[in-house]
């Protein structure tokens, strides 16, 4: 029995459909890029992580990918911000484009094949608008060019909404202007599902009637404490705000914990949980790597235990089934916990006994499957696990408002209290640290610490 075929939810048909590329073995995808006039926010991270997962999974399936993501590097917002800052508009957009690329690299989003900029293609844009006018789908109005929605019968097919819903001019593209033939007509020259992508679809088909996009995909929004994030309400976070406190891979994990089409509810608690999970993942991998290090070059013989063999067969099969079902990353990340627990269970047995071929084989097999899946998901660190674990600890200390020296002092105070049998004081210090996300573990060689989810009063 072969692998399940990839099915994706098509916003046009409002249902899941098997993915059938126009050219066998090749896939072309376009993802709307940013208008770079400020630092990118978590809503951008939501979109680009979601479609990075699609990009990576298509590559995993063997497709030759052409991935295009643009920069709208000249726009009213850019000009306005540049005037306020006394900066050249193109200089400002170039600066924030670089900041955006920094954020994408931090989130381990693979770079697109092409990143066209509007300013490099103004002649092509003018030619396209001329075609739309020649085809009878647009008209000029005192120097501006407007698309005539009445000339395009399929307008609103993508969103499934009524044309009247566009009168408010969602996204600022259809402005109230009594001179227009239809209040819903949108600007082509001066100027998400609705109306932005509706407009993109209409203008592309109006210029090139033979062109077609077979699959339209849209990600959910980001809410903050169950309230929609918006700049106007000043309740949004930039990516830079978040990765100042949390590791970028914790943010990526958090975003992937919710299916890409659903809205994400952002809260510090959710990021704390994600951070705790990724620490557990990378600590497990590092422990496994350390245990296996002496045996990497050896001729390891022996069979994988039956229970582990069953798991290493089931885990990748479940991964493929979940990912092929409209990129169900939530299920994949849930399933990931089983092989990680199996690794830790075998590590405990490994430490308690002499070298056993079965345990080594089990750990090698489990490690491979976990790393393969993390790699496909973009969650395998580009640096060593040890380096990421150290970075996660540094972020935890920052959230706790403590330095390494201050934490060491607290641990020494607790050690002294335990030595003097002042157990109530020892417990107080442990709880005090746990409340700010620092967990203490007493080991034969002394007390060590790791980040944890803060114990809040309501917990």
Protein backbone atom coordinates (compact mmCIF):
# COMPACT_ATOMS: atom_id res chain seq x y z
CA UNK A 1 0.00 0.00 0.00
CA UNK A 2 1.48 3.34 -1.08
CA UNK A 3 1.66 6.61 0.79
CA UNK A 4 -1.55 8.66 0.94
CA UNK A 5 -1.82 11.40 -1.68
CA UNK A 6 -1.49 15.00 -0.60
CA UNK A 7 -4.80 16.80 -0.20
CA UNK A 8 -5.05 20.55 0.44
CA UNK A 9 -7.98 22.79 1.31
CA UNK A 10 -8.75 24.96 -1.69
CA UNK A 11 -10.28 28.32 -0.73
CA UNK A 12 -11.81 28.52 -4.20
CA UNK A 13 -13.82 25.30 -3.95
CA UNK A 14 -14.16 25.46 -0.13
CA UNK A 15 -13.11 21.83 0.20
CA UNK A 16 -10.07 19.57 0.37
CA UNK A 17 -8.76 18.49 -3.01
CA UNK A 18 -6.00 16.11 -4.14
CA UNK A 19 -2.90 18.04 -5.16
CA UNK A 20 -2.36 17.56 -8.89
CA UNK A 21 0.42 19.77 -10.28
CA UNK A 22 0.09 21.21 -13.78
CA UNK A 23 3.46 19.65 -14.66
CA UNK A 24 4.28 16.29 -13.09
CA UNK A 25 7.04 16.54 -10.52
CA UNK A 26 6.97 20.33 -10.43
CA UNK A 27 5.07 22.77 -8.22
CA UNK A 28 4.92 26.55 -8.38
CA UNK A 29 3.74 28.55 -5.38
CA UNK A 30 3.32 32.26 -4.84
CA UNK A 31 2.97 33.69 -1.33
CA UNK A 32 2.04 37.34 -0.82
CA UNK A 33 5.03 39.21 0.56
CA UNK A 34 5.27 42.15 2.93
CA UNK A 35 5.05 45.89 2.47
CA UNK A 36 8.28 46.69 4.33
CA UNK A 37 7.65 49.94 6.20
CA UNK A 38 8.08 48.55 9.75
CA UNK A 39 9.27 45.47 11.60
CA UNK A 40 7.23 42.37 10.78
CA UNK A 41 4.67 41.21 13.33
CA UNK A 42 3.52 37.80 14.53
CA UNK A 43 0.79 37.74 11.86
CA UNK A 44 3.55 37.70 9.26
CA UNK A 45 5.28 34.89 11.15
CA UNK A 46 2.01 32.96 11.14
CA UNK A 47 1.69 33.15 7.35
CA UNK A 48 5.29 32.51 6.40
CA UNK A 49 5.83 29.62 8.81
CA UNK A 50 2.61 28.01 7.53
CA UNK A 51 3.68 28.19 3.90
CA UNK A 52 7.27 27.30 4.73
CA UNK A 53 5.84 24.02 6.03
CA UNK A 54 4.06 23.54 2.69
CA UNK A 55 7.27 24.40 0.83
CA UNK A 56 9.30 21.94 2.89
CA UNK A 57 6.74 19.15 2.61
CA UNK A 58 6.48 19.49 -1.17
CA UNK A 59 10.29 19.27 -1.33
CA UNK A 60 10.15 16.19 0.91
CA UNK A 61 7.67 14.61 -1.52
CA UNK A 62 10.19 15.14 -4.29
CA UNK A 63 8.71 18.10 -6.12
CA UNK A 64 10.90 20.60 -7.94
CA UNK A 65 9.63 23.83 -6.36
CA UNK A 66 9.50 27.33 -7.74
CA UNK A 67 8.56 29.50 -4.77
CA UNK A 68 7.95 33.21 -5.33
CA UNK A 69 7.40 35.75 -2.54
CA UNK A 70 7.41 39.44 -3.38
CA UNK A 71 8.30 42.71 -1.69
CA UNK A 72 5.86 45.59 -2.25
CA UNK A 73 8.72 48.01 -1.73
CA UNK A 74 6.88 51.18 -2.77
CA UNK A 75 3.46 52.01 -1.39
CA UNK A 76 1.49 54.83 0.23
CA UNK A 77 2.37 53.48 3.70
CA UNK A 78 6.07 53.41 2.85
CA UNK A 79 6.00 56.96 1.48
CA UNK A 80 4.09 58.21 4.53
CA UNK A 81 6.50 56.53 6.99
CA UNK A 82 9.53 57.78 5.04
CA UNK A 83 8.22 61.35 5.08
CA UNK A 84 7.68 61.11 8.84
CA UNK A 85 11.22 59.81 9.33
CA UNK A 86 12.82 62.16 6.81
CA UNK A 87 14.14 59.16 4.90
CA UNK A 88 14.13 58.19 1.24
CA UNK A 89 11.19 55.75 0.65
CA UNK A 90 13.32 53.17 -1.14
CA UNK A 91 15.99 53.36 1.55
CA UNK A 92 13.35 52.76 4.22
CA UNK A 93 11.76 49.82 2.39
CA UNK A 94 15.18 48.31 1.70
CA UNK A 95 16.09 48.56 5.38
CA UNK A 96 12.90 46.87 6.56
CA UNK A 97 13.16 44.24 3.81
CA UNK A 98 16.50 43.21 5.35
CA UNK A 99 14.91 43.14 8.81
CA UNK A 100 12.16 40.89 7.45
CA UNK A 101 14.69 38.48 5.97
CA UNK A 102 16.52 38.39 9.32
CA UNK A 103 13.27 37.38 11.04
CA UNK A 104 12.55 34.70 8.43
CA UNK A 105 16.03 33.22 8.86
CA UNK A 106 15.58 33.20 12.64
CA UNK A 107 12.32 31.26 12.20
CA UNK A 108 14.13 28.84 9.86
CA UNK A 109 11.90 29.65 6.90
CA UNK A 110 13.62 28.52 3.72
CA UNK A 111 14.33 31.35 1.25
CA UNK A 112 12.06 31.49 -1.82
CA UNK A 113 13.36 30.78 -5.29
CA UNK A 114 12.58 34.35 -6.33
CA UNK A 115 11.86 37.52 -4.33
CA UNK A 116 10.76 40.14 -6.88
CA UNK A 117 10.41 43.77 -5.84
CA UNK A 118 7.71 46.05 -7.21
CA UNK A 119 10.26 48.76 -8.04
CA UNK A 120 12.11 46.33 -10.32
CA UNK A 121 8.96 45.53 -12.28
CA UNK A 122 7.09 48.82 -12.78
CA UNK A 123 7.27 48.51 -16.56
CA UNK A 124 5.71 45.03 -16.44
CA UNK A 125 3.01 46.35 -14.08
CA UNK A 126 2.23 49.17 -16.51
CA UNK A 127 2.06 46.70 -19.40
CA UNK A 128 -0.29 44.46 -17.43
CA UNK A 129 -2.57 47.40 -16.61
CA UNK A 130 -2.59 48.40 -20.28
CA UNK A 131 -3.70 44.86 -21.17
CA UNK A 132 -6.51 45.02 -18.61
CA UNK A 133 -7.70 48.34 -20.09
CA UNK A 134 -7.46 46.95 -23.64
CA UNK A 135 -9.49 43.91 -22.58
CA UNK A 136 -12.25 46.19 -21.30
CA UNK A 137 -11.82 45.47 -17.60
CA UNK A 138 -10.39 48.80 -16.39
CA UNK A 139 -10.74 52.54 -16.98
CA UNK A 140 -8.79 55.71 -16.20
CA UNK A 141 -10.03 58.41 -13.89
CA UNK A 142 -7.99 61.61 -13.59
CA UNK A 143 -4.65 59.82 -13.71
CA UNK A 144 -5.71 56.79 -11.67
CA UNK A 145 -6.68 53.40 -13.10
CA UNK A 146 -9.59 51.42 -11.66
CA UNK A 147 -10.65 47.83 -12.23
CA UNK A 148 -14.30 47.48 -13.26
CA UNK A 149 -15.72 44.68 -11.13
CA UNK A 150 -18.92 44.63 -13.20
CA UNK A 151 -16.86 43.52 -16.21
CA UNK A 152 -15.62 40.41 -14.43
CA UNK A 153 -18.45 37.90 -13.74
CA UNK A 154 -16.31 35.73 -11.47
CA UNK A 155 -15.53 38.57 -9.05
CA UNK A 156 -16.25 37.35 -5.48
CA UNK A 157 -16.04 33.71 -6.51
CA UNK A 158 -12.95 33.16 -4.33
CA UNK A 159 -14.35 34.71 -1.16
CA UNK A 160 -17.93 33.58 -1.76
CA UNK A 161 -19.15 36.98 -0.58
CA UNK A 162 -21.54 39.44 -2.14
CA UNK A 163 -20.16 42.32 -4.17
CA UNK A 164 -21.82 44.81 -1.82
CA UNK A 165 -19.50 43.59 0.95
CA UNK A 166 -16.62 45.30 -0.86
CA UNK A 167 -18.14 48.75 -0.58
CA UNK A 168 -16.35 49.33 2.72
CA UNK A 169 -13.07 48.95 0.87
CA UNK A 170 -11.43 46.22 2.94
CA UNK A 171 -7.69 46.64 2.96
CA UNK A 172 -8.02 50.19 1.65
CA UNK A 173 -8.12 49.03 -1.96
CA UNK A 174 -11.68 50.01 -2.81
CA UNK A 175 -12.09 53.60 -1.68
CA UNK A 176 -15.33 55.57 -1.53
CA UNK A 177 -15.28 57.75 -4.66
CA UNK A 178 -18.50 58.88 -6.31
CA UNK A 179 -16.71 59.24 -9.64
CA UNK A 180 -16.18 55.47 -9.94
CA UNK A 181 -18.53 53.42 -12.10
CA UNK A 182 -19.11 51.02 -9.22
CA UNK A 183 -18.19 51.87 -5.60
CA UNK A 184 -16.47 48.46 -5.39
CA UNK A 185 -14.06 49.22 -8.26
CA UNK A 186 -10.51 49.07 -6.89
CA UNK A 187 -7.38 50.98 -7.82
CA UNK A 188 -4.84 49.19 -9.99
CA UNK A 189 -2.19 51.87 -10.16
CA UNK A 190 -2.23 53.77 -6.88
CA UNK A 191 -3.29 51.13 -5.28
CA UNK A 192 -6.88 38.84 2.53
CA UNK A 193 -9.05 36.49 0.99
CA UNK A 194 -11.36 39.38 0.57
CA UNK A 195 -10.90 41.68 -1.10
CA UNK A 196 -7.11 41.55 -1.67
CA UNK A 197 -6.83 38.06 -3.19
CA UNK A 198 -10.17 38.51 -4.93
CA UNK A 199 -8.65 41.55 -6.63
CA UNK A 200 -5.43 39.70 -7.49
CA UNK A 201 -7.41 36.91 -9.11
CA UNK A 202 -9.59 39.31 -11.09
CA UNK A 203 -6.78 41.50 -12.41
CA UNK A 204 -4.57 38.52 -13.34
CA UNK A 205 -7.35 36.79 -15.27
CA UNK A 206 -8.41 40.08 -16.86
CA UNK A 207 -4.89 40.64 -18.19
CA UNK A 208 -4.18 37.00 -19.07
CA UNK A 209 -7.47 35.10 -19.55
CA UNK A 210 -5.62 31.86 -20.24
CA UNK A 211 -3.77 31.93 -16.89
CA UNK A 212 -5.04 29.95 -13.95
CA UNK A 213 -4.21 29.11 -10.35
CA UNK A 214 -5.51 25.71 -9.32
CA UNK A 215 -5.17 26.03 -5.54
CA UNK A 216 -5.77 29.03 -3.28
CA UNK A 217 -4.68 28.64 0.34
CA UNK A 218 -5.15 30.97 3.30
CA UNK A 219 -3.90 30.82 6.87
CA UNK A 220 -5.78 31.79 10.01
CA UNK A 221 -5.22 35.00 11.94
CA UNK A 222 -3.48 35.57 15.27
CA UNK A 223 -5.47 36.63 18.32
CA UNK A 224 -4.09 37.89 21.60
CA UNK A 225 -5.84 36.49 24.65
CA UNK A 226 -8.83 35.70 22.40
CA UNK A 227 -8.96 39.24 20.97
CA UNK A 228 -7.98 39.88 17.35
CA UNK A 229 -4.57 41.54 17.07
CA UNK A 230 -4.51 44.87 15.26
CA UNK A 231 -2.21 47.85 15.01
CA UNK A 232 -5.12 50.23 15.56
CA UNK A 233 -5.80 48.64 18.97
CA UNK A 234 -2.07 48.56 19.74
CA UNK A 235 -2.30 44.95 20.91
CA UNK A 236 0.10 43.33 18.44
CA UNK A 237 3.67 42.08 18.78
CA UNK A 238 6.50 42.24 16.30
CA UNK A 239 8.48 39.07 15.69
CA UNK A 240 11.44 40.89 17.21
CA UNK A 241 9.43 41.58 20.40
CA UNK A 242 8.75 37.88 20.83
CA UNK A 243 12.17 36.44 19.99
CA UNK A 244 13.71 38.89 22.45
CA UNK A 245 12.05 36.77 25.19
CA UNK A 246 11.54 33.40 23.50
CA UNK A 247 13.71 31.35 21.20
CA UNK A 248 12.64 31.62 17.52
CA UNK A 249 12.20 27.84 17.36
CA UNK A 250 9.79 28.06 20.30
CA UNK A 251 7.78 30.61 18.32
CA UNK A 252 7.84 28.36 15.25
CA UNK A 253 6.71 25.38 17.35
CA UNK A 254 3.92 27.48 18.90
CA UNK A 255 2.62 28.53 15.48
CA UNK A 256 2.71 24.96 14.19
CA UNK A 257 0.78 23.65 17.20
CA UNK A 258 -2.37 25.10 15.60
CA UNK A 259 -3.55 23.95 12.17
CA UNK A 260 -2.62 26.57 9.59
CA UNK A 261 -6.25 27.36 8.66
CA UNK A 262 -7.34 27.97 12.26
CA UNK A 263 -6.83 31.18 14.21
CA UNK A 264 -3.95 31.13 16.70
CA UNK A 265 -4.51 32.48 20.20
CA UNK A 266 -1.31 34.15 21.38
CA UNK A 267 -0.50 34.39 25.08
CA UNK A 268 2.65 34.25 27.18
CA UNK A 269 1.34 31.01 28.68
CA UNK A 270 1.16 29.41 25.24
CA UNK A 271 4.71 30.54 24.44
CA UNK A 272 5.92 29.24 27.82
CA UNK A 273 4.42 25.85 26.96
CA UNK A 274 6.00 25.86 23.50
CA UNK A 275 9.37 26.83 24.96
CA UNK A 276 9.14 24.00 27.49
CA UNK A 277 8.31 21.51 24.72
CA UNK A 278 11.21 22.48 22.48
CA UNK A 279 13.62 22.35 25.43
CA UNK A 280 12.42 18.79 26.11
CA UNK A 281 12.87 17.86 22.44
CA UNK A 282 16.41 19.19 22.12
CA UNK A 283 17.48 17.93 25.54
CA UNK A 284 16.30 14.45 24.57
CA UNK A 285 18.19 14.59 21.28
CA UNK A 286 21.35 15.86 22.95
CA UNK A 287 21.19 13.13 25.61
CA UNK A 288 20.74 10.53 22.88
CA UNK A 289 23.63 11.92 20.82
CA UNK A 290 25.88 11.89 23.88
CA UNK A 291 24.98 8.30 24.76
CA UNK A 292 25.53 7.07 21.20
CA UNK A 293 28.71 9.05 20.54
CA UNK A 294 31.15 6.26 21.55
CA UNK A 295 29.41 3.77 19.25
CA UNK A 296 28.94 5.80 16.05
CA UNK A 297 31.96 4.32 14.27
CA UNK A 298 31.60 0.83 15.67
CA UNK A 299 30.10 -2.20 13.96
CA UNK A 300 26.90 -2.37 15.95
CA UNK A 301 25.06 -5.65 15.52
CA UNK A 302 21.76 -6.87 16.81
CA UNK A 303 18.09 -6.54 16.09
CA UNK A 304 15.87 -3.62 17.03
CA UNK A 305 13.44 -4.69 19.77
CA UNK A 306 9.98 -5.51 18.44
CA UNK A 307 8.23 -2.67 20.29
CA UNK A 308 10.72 -0.12 18.94
CA UNK A 309 10.51 -1.57 15.43
CA UNK A 310 6.75 -1.15 15.56
CA UNK A 311 7.14 2.46 16.70
CA UNK A 312 9.76 3.40 14.08
CA UNK A 313 7.44 2.01 11.40
CA UNK A 314 4.29 3.61 12.78
CA UNK A 315 5.70 7.08 13.48
CA UNK A 316 6.77 8.02 9.92
CA UNK A 317 3.60 6.45 8.51
CA UNK A 318 1.47 8.59 10.83
CA UNK A 319 3.57 11.61 9.93
CA UNK A 320 2.92 11.14 6.22
CA UNK A 321 -0.79 10.54 6.81
CA UNK A 322 -1.15 13.68 8.93
CA UNK A 323 0.90 15.94 6.67
CA UNK A 324 -0.83 14.67 3.54
CA UNK A 325 -4.16 15.55 5.14
CA UNK A 326 -3.90 19.32 4.58
CA UNK A 327 -0.65 19.73 6.55
CA UNK A 328 -1.96 18.59 9.94
CA UNK A 329 1.07 19.70 11.97
CA UNK A 330 -0.90 19.61 15.22
CA UNK A 331 -1.24 15.83 15.00
CA UNK A 332 2.40 15.44 13.97
CA UNK A 333 3.70 17.37 16.98
CA UNK A 334 1.43 15.35 19.28
CA UNK A 335 2.75 12.10 17.78
CA UNK A 336 6.34 13.31 18.19
CA UNK A 337 6.11 12.87 21.95
CA UNK A 338 5.90 9.05 21.70
CA UNK A 339 9.34 8.39 20.15
CA UNK A 340 10.87 11.06 22.42
CA UNK A 341 9.49 9.25 25.47
CA UNK A 342 10.81 5.98 24.06
CA UNK A 343 14.27 7.52 23.67
CA UNK A 344 14.27 8.70 27.29
CA UNK A 345 13.03 5.32 28.49
CA UNK A 346 15.82 3.52 26.62
CA UNK A 347 18.40 6.04 27.84
CA UNK A 348 17.49 5.18 31.45
CA UNK A 349 17.97 1.48 30.72
CA UNK A 350 21.20 2.24 28.87
CA UNK A 351 22.68 4.14 31.82
CA UNK A 352 21.73 1.44 34.29
CA UNK A 353 23.35 -1.50 32.51
CA UNK A 354 26.43 -2.45 30.57
CA UNK A 355 26.49 -1.89 26.81
CA UNK A 356 23.57 -3.63 25.16
CA UNK A 357 23.33 -4.00 21.41
CA UNK A 358 19.53 -3.88 21.45
CA UNK A 359 19.43 -0.56 23.29
CA UNK A 360 21.98 1.00 20.96
CA UNK A 361 20.05 -0.13 17.89
CA UNK A 362 16.81 1.15 19.41
CA UNK A 363 18.29 4.57 20.15
CA UNK A 364 19.84 4.88 16.68
CA UNK A 365 16.54 4.02 15.00
CA UNK A 366 14.47 6.36 17.17
CA UNK A 367 16.95 9.21 16.84
CA UNK A 368 16.88 8.96 13.04
CA UNK A 369 13.08 9.08 12.80
CA UNK A 370 12.80 12.04 15.18
CA UNK A 371 15.50 14.03 13.40
CA UNK A 372 14.01 13.27 9.98
CA UNK A 373 10.60 14.63 10.98
CA UNK A 374 12.05 17.67 12.75
CA UNK A 375 14.09 18.41 9.64
CA UNK A 376 11.07 18.29 7.35
CA UNK A 377 9.12 20.54 9.73
CA UNK A 378 11.95 23.09 9.95
CA UNK A 379 12.39 22.39 13.66
CA UNK A 380 15.82 20.76 13.53
CA UNK A 381 18.31 23.39 14.76
CA UNK A 382 20.81 24.72 12.25
CA UNK A 383 23.35 24.77 15.10
CA UNK A 384 23.97 22.07 17.73
CA UNK A 385 21.30 21.11 20.23
CA UNK A 386 23.70 22.14 23.00
CA UNK A 387 23.84 25.66 21.60
CA UNK A 388 20.06 25.92 21.30
CA UNK A 389 19.59 24.58 24.84
CA UNK A 390 21.95 27.26 26.13
CA UNK A 391 20.01 29.92 24.21
CA UNK A 392 16.74 28.62 25.65
CA UNK A 393 18.23 28.91 29.14
CA UNK A 394 19.35 32.47 28.46
CA UNK A 395 15.84 33.40 27.28
CA UNK A 396 14.36 31.79 30.40
CA UNK A 397 16.63 33.84 32.65
CA UNK A 398 15.64 36.98 30.79
CA UNK A 399 11.93 36.22 31.30
CA UNK A 400 12.62 35.51 34.97
CA UNK A 401 14.48 38.81 35.33
CA UNK A 402 17.57 37.07 36.71
CA UNK A 403 21.22 36.76 35.82
CA UNK A 404 23.15 33.48 35.89
CA UNK A 405 25.01 34.74 38.96
CA UNK A 406 21.78 35.58 40.82
CA UNK A 407 20.40 32.13 40.05
CA UNK A 408 23.61 30.47 41.26
CA UNK A 409 23.31 32.43 44.51
CA UNK A 410 19.73 31.20 44.97
CA UNK A 411 20.83 27.61 44.35
CA UNK A 412 23.64 27.99 46.92
CA UNK A 413 21.17 29.38 49.47
CA UNK A 414 18.87 26.43 48.90
CA UNK A 415 21.76 23.94 49.13
CA UNK A 416 22.78 25.46 52.48
CA UNK A 417 19.18 25.35 53.73
CA UNK A 418 18.92 21.66 52.83
CA UNK A 419 22.27 20.96 54.51
CA UNK A 420 20.95 22.62 57.68
CA UNK A 421 17.67 20.69 57.35
CA UNK A 422 15.74 23.95 56.83
CA UNK A 423 13.36 22.23 54.45
CA UNK A 424 10.67 24.89 54.54
CA UNK A 425 13.22 27.48 53.37
CA UNK A 426 14.51 25.06 50.74
CA UNK A 427 10.97 24.54 49.42
CA UNK A 428 10.31 28.29 49.45
CA UNK A 429 13.31 28.96 47.22
CA UNK A 430 12.36 26.12 44.86
CA UNK A 431 8.77 27.43 44.56
CA UNK A 432 9.99 31.01 44.13
CA UNK A 433 12.12 29.95 41.18
CA UNK A 434 9.46 27.68 39.74
CA UNK A 435 7.04 30.60 39.72
CA UNK A 436 9.31 32.46 37.28
CA UNK A 437 10.03 29.46 35.06
CA UNK A 438 13.14 27.94 36.66
CA UNK A 439 13.01 24.26 37.69
CA UNK A 440 15.63 22.83 40.07
CA UNK A 441 16.71 19.19 39.97
CA UNK A 442 18.84 17.61 42.66
CA UNK A 443 21.38 15.17 41.21
CA UNK A 444 24.30 13.26 42.78
CA UNK A 445 26.73 15.89 41.52
CA UNK A 446 24.69 18.81 42.81
CA UNK A 447 21.66 20.88 41.87
CA UNK A 448 21.08 21.71 38.21
CA UNK A 449 18.35 23.76 36.58
CA UNK A 450 16.32 23.91 33.41
CA UNK A 451 13.60 26.21 32.09
CA UNK A 452 10.01 25.21 32.83
CA UNK A 453 6.51 26.57 32.53
CA UNK A 454 6.04 29.10 35.33
CA UNK A 455 3.81 27.85 38.14
CA UNK A 456 1.10 30.47 38.29
CA UNK A 457 -1.21 30.90 41.31
CA UNK A 458 -4.16 29.38 39.43
CA UNK A 459 -2.13 26.29 38.39
